[in-house]
Amino acid sequence: MSNALANGSHVDDGGELIRRAAEQALDLRQTVNEIIDPKLLELVDVALIELGFILSKLK
């Protein structure tokens, strides 16, 4: 994340940030798929579901 995004000085309609958050979430899920630990997979799935709910409210 750039410093402009971190300190809130970057103005965005939200669409670009939502798109990037969704892409990063999918990347995380694909990375974790390579890990066999079912508890870790479950934790990531729950986090991604929650992220999806949050993102849907931002639109």
C-alpha atoms as a PDB file:
ATOM      1  CA  MET A   1       0.000   0.000   0.000  1.00  0.00           C
ATOM      2  CA  SER A   2       1.386   3.380  -0.897  1.00  0.00           C
ATOM      3  CA  ASN A   3       1.870   6.082   1.704  1.00  0.00           C
ATOM      4  CA  ALA A   4      -0.835   8.152   0.037  1.00  0.00           C
ATOM      5  CA  LEU A   5      -3.331   5.349   0.555  1.00  0.00           C
ATOM      6  CA  ALA A   6      -2.147   4.665   4.073  1.00  0.00           C
ATOM      7  CA  ASN A   7      -2.572   8.240   5.240  1.00  0.00           C
ATOM      8  CA  GLY A   8      -5.832   8.810   3.395  1.00  0.00           C
ATOM      9  CA  SER A   9      -4.543  11.586   1.144  1.00  0.00           C
ATOM     10  CA  HIS A  10      -5.379   9.613  -1.998  1.00  0.00           C
ATOM     11  CA  VAL A  11      -8.892  10.361  -3.249  1.00  0.00           C
ATOM     12  CA  ASP A  12     -10.621   7.403  -4.881  1.00  0.00           C
ATOM     13  CA  ASP A  13     -14.229   6.638  -5.680  1.00  0.00           C
ATOM     14  CA  GLY A  14     -13.729   3.360  -3.857  1.00  0.00           C
ATOM     15  CA  GLY A  15     -14.021   1.228  -6.957  1.00  0.00           C
ATOM     16  CA  GLU A  16     -10.302   0.853  -7.506  1.00  0.00           C
ATOM     17  CA  LEU A  17      -9.644   0.057  -3.849  1.00  0.00           C
ATOM     18  CA  ILE A  18     -12.447  -2.502  -3.806  1.00  0.00           C
ATOM     19  CA  ARG A  19     -11.119  -4.125  -6.974  1.00  0.00           C
ATOM     20  CA  ARG A  20      -7.587  -4.326  -5.581  1.00  0.00           C
ATOM     21  CA  ALA A  21      -8.819  -5.702  -2.253  1.00  0.00           C
ATOM     22  CA  ALA A  22     -10.775  -8.410  -4.058  1.00  0.00           C
ATOM     23  CA  GLU A  23      -7.767  -9.322  -6.219  1.00  0.00           C
ATOM     24  CA  GLN A  24      -5.516  -9.537  -3.174  1.00  0.00           C
ATOM     25  CA  ALA A  25      -8.073 -11.693  -1.368  1.00  0.00           C
ATOM     26  CA  LEU A  26      -8.182 -14.116  -4.303  1.00  0.00           C
ATOM     27  CA  ASP A  27      -4.383 -14.175  -4.452  1.00  0.00           C
ATOM     28  CA  LEU A  28      -4.285 -14.993  -0.744  1.00  0.00           C
ATOM     29  CA  ARG A  29      -6.783 -17.825  -1.190  1.00  0.00           C
ATOM     30  CA  GLN A  30      -4.797 -19.298  -4.073  1.00  0.00           C
ATOM     31  CA  THR A  31      -1.594 -19.112  -2.031  1.00  0.00           C
ATOM     32  CA  VAL A  32      -3.202 -20.740   0.989  1.00  0.00           C
ATOM     33  CA  ASN A  33      -4.630 -23.492  -1.228  1.00  0.00           C
ATOM     34  CA  GLU A  34      -1.077 -24.780  -1.454  1.00  0.00           C
ATOM     35  CA  ILE A  35      -1.036 -25.279   2.321  1.00  0.00           C
ATOM     36  CA  ILE A  36      -2.634 -28.531   3.384  1.00  0.00           C
ATOM     37  CA  ASP A  37      -3.694 -27.451   6.905  1.00  0.00           C
ATOM     38  CA  PRO A  38      -7.525 -27.537   6.836  1.00  0.00           C
ATOM     39  CA  LYS A  39      -7.826 -25.237   9.862  1.00  0.00           C
ATOM     40  CA  LEU A  40      -5.796 -22.539   8.115  1.00  0.00           C
ATOM     41  CA  LEU A  41      -7.898 -22.925   4.968  1.00  0.00           C
ATOM     42  CA  GLU A  42     -11.065 -22.559   7.044  1.00  0.00           C
ATOM     43  CA  LEU A  43      -9.718 -19.433   8.743  1.00  0.00           C
ATOM     44  CA  VAL A  44      -8.854 -17.829   5.406  1.00  0.00           C
ATOM     45  CA  ASP A  45     -12.268 -18.741   3.972  1.00  0.00           C
ATOM     46  CA  VAL A  46     -14.042 -17.097   6.908  1.00  0.00           C
ATOM     47  CA  ALA A  47     -11.890 -13.978   6.566  1.00  0.00           C
ATOM     48  CA  LEU A  48     -12.596 -13.796   2.831  1.00  0.00           C
ATOM     49  CA  ILE A  49     -16.336 -14.179   3.385  1.00  0.00           C
ATOM     50  CA  GLU A  50     -16.256 -11.328   5.904  1.00  0.00           C
ATOM     51  CA  LEU A  51     -14.222  -9.229   3.472  1.00  0.00           C
ATOM     52  CA  GLY A  52     -16.825  -9.925   0.797  1.00  0.00           C
ATOM     53  CA  PHE A  53     -19.608  -8.671   3.069  1.00  0.00           C
ATOM     54  CA  ILE A  54     -17.647  -5.511   3.854  1.00  0.00           C
ATOM     55  CA  LEU A  55     -16.831  -4.877   0.194  1.00  0.00           C
ATOM     56  CA  SER A  56     -20.446  -5.370  -0.855  1.00  0.00           C
ATOM     57  CA  LYS A  57     -21.518  -2.639   1.567  1.00  0.00           C
ATOM     58  CA  LEU A  58     -18.981  -0.180   0.100  1.00  0.00           C
ATOM     59  CA  LYS A  59     -20.453  -0.232  -3.395  1.00  0.00           C
END
